[in-house]
Every structure is written in structure tokens, then in C-alpha cells.
């Protein structure tokens, strides 16, 4: 059976994902390589290790900052936004 794609948003853009994909995998699949900026200097970051060890892939998912995008499954209707620095208190 073919998985049925669904949509979520990233920084206001509607993107498509497949069931079982992590937020990072869905963003990569859409051509998005960075979804966080560093605390100092604002350098772009995305997935680095891909297994939840390095914390480079932090994103804000449904208004919750500091979510490891490589571990969090994307769900229909999720709102993902670029996290700047340490995010915000939620």
C-alpha cells in the first residue's frame, strides 16, 4: 500500500510529508537544509548527526522550542518554524 502524503507548514510555507518521516526528513525532502540559527552569530544549522545526539537540528514545532527535528515525527497540520538561538519559553 502506498503511503498517503499529508501537509504541514514550515515558516509559513505548505510542505508535504509522508507518514513516519521525522521533521528533519520531511524538511530535507522539501529541499530545506537549515531550520535553526546559532545563539552567537546567527549561523544556519540543520541536521548534523541525524540520531539525536548533537542537538544541531533543534526546531520549534507547534510553538514548542528545542525539539530535535531528527527525532520528532512530523504529523498532519504541524507548524514548524525556524528556531533562532535558544528558542523561547513556551
Protein backbone atom coordinates (compact mmCIF):
# COMPACT_ATOMS: atom_id res chain seq x y z
CA UNK A 1 0.00 0.00 0.00
CA UNK A 2 1.32 3.42 -0.96
CA UNK A 3 1.70 5.90 1.93
CA UNK A 4 -0.66 8.87 1.68
CA UNK A 5 1.17 12.23 1.79
CA UNK A 6 -0.05 15.00 4.09
CA UNK A 7 0.81 18.66 4.61
CA UNK A 8 2.47 20.67 7.35
CA UNK A 9 3.87 24.18 7.36
CA UNK A 10 7.41 25.44 7.70
CA UNK A 11 7.89 29.17 8.21
CA UNK A 12 4.51 29.74 6.60
CA UNK A 13 5.13 27.52 3.55
CA UNK A 14 2.97 24.46 3.00
CA UNK A 15 5.12 21.36 2.57
CA UNK A 16 4.34 17.69 2.03
CA UNK A 17 5.48 14.76 4.18
CA UNK A 18 4.91 11.04 4.36
CA UNK A 19 3.72 9.07 7.39
CA UNK A 20 6.67 8.01 9.56
CA UNK A 21 9.02 10.79 8.48
CA UNK A 22 10.79 12.87 11.06
CA UNK A 23 10.53 16.65 10.84
CA UNK A 24 14.14 16.70 9.58
CA UNK A 25 13.47 14.09 6.87
CA UNK A 26 10.38 15.96 5.68
CA UNK A 27 12.30 19.24 5.56
CA UNK A 28 15.18 17.64 3.69
CA UNK A 29 12.70 16.11 1.26
CA UNK A 30 11.37 19.62 0.58
CA UNK A 31 14.88 20.97 -0.02
CA UNK A 32 15.14 22.77 3.34
CA UNK A 33 18.61 22.26 4.82
CA UNK A 34 18.60 24.72 7.74
CA UNK A 35 15.92 25.42 10.37
CA UNK A 36 17.85 26.86 13.30
CA UNK A 37 20.29 29.71 13.81
CA UNK A 38 23.09 29.63 16.34
CA UNK A 39 22.97 31.64 19.55
CA UNK A 40 26.08 33.57 18.62
CA UNK A 41 26.38 34.89 15.10
CA UNK A 42 23.09 33.52 13.73
CA UNK A 43 24.74 30.84 11.57
CA UNK A 44 22.28 28.44 9.91
CA UNK A 45 22.01 24.88 11.21
CA UNK A 46 20.05 21.76 10.26
CA UNK A 47 20.61 18.06 10.79
CA UNK A 48 24.16 17.02 11.57
CA UNK A 49 24.23 13.61 13.25
CA UNK A 50 20.66 12.57 12.40
CA UNK A 51 20.34 10.41 15.53
CA UNK A 52 19.52 12.93 18.25
CA UNK A 53 22.97 13.24 19.78
CA UNK A 54 24.24 16.64 18.62
CA UNK A 55 21.23 19.00 19.03
CA UNK A 56 22.11 20.90 15.84
CA UNK A 57 18.66 20.16 14.41
CA UNK A 58 16.59 21.98 17.02
CA UNK A 59 13.37 23.47 15.67
CA UNK A 60 10.20 24.96 17.04
CA UNK A 61 7.32 22.54 16.44
CA UNK A 62 3.78 23.65 17.26
CA UNK A 63 5.15 26.52 19.40
CA UNK A 64 7.41 24.17 21.37
CA UNK A 65 11.06 25.24 21.04
CA UNK A 66 14.12 22.99 21.21
CA UNK A 67 12.56 19.97 19.51
CA UNK A 68 15.12 17.65 17.92
CA UNK A 69 13.84 17.56 14.35
CA UNK A 70 15.64 14.30 13.61
CA UNK A 71 13.64 12.51 16.33
CA UNK A 72 10.22 14.21 16.25
CA UNK A 73 7.76 12.61 13.83
CA UNK A 74 6.03 15.15 11.62
CA UNK A 75 2.25 15.00 11.80
CA UNK A 76 -0.52 16.35 9.57
CA UNK A 77 -1.07 20.03 10.23
CA UNK A 78 2.12 20.56 12.26
CA UNK A 79 3.56 24.07 12.29
CA UNK A 80 7.36 24.09 12.20
CA UNK A 81 9.32 27.32 12.43
CA UNK A 82 12.98 28.23 12.28
CA UNK A 83 14.37 28.45 15.78
CA UNK A 84 16.54 31.48 16.45
CA UNK A 85 19.17 30.96 19.13
CA UNK A 86 17.73 29.20 22.18
CA UNK A 87 14.11 29.49 21.07
CA UNK A 88 11.60 30.92 23.51
CA UNK A 89 9.99 29.92 26.74
CA UNK A 90 6.87 28.23 25.79
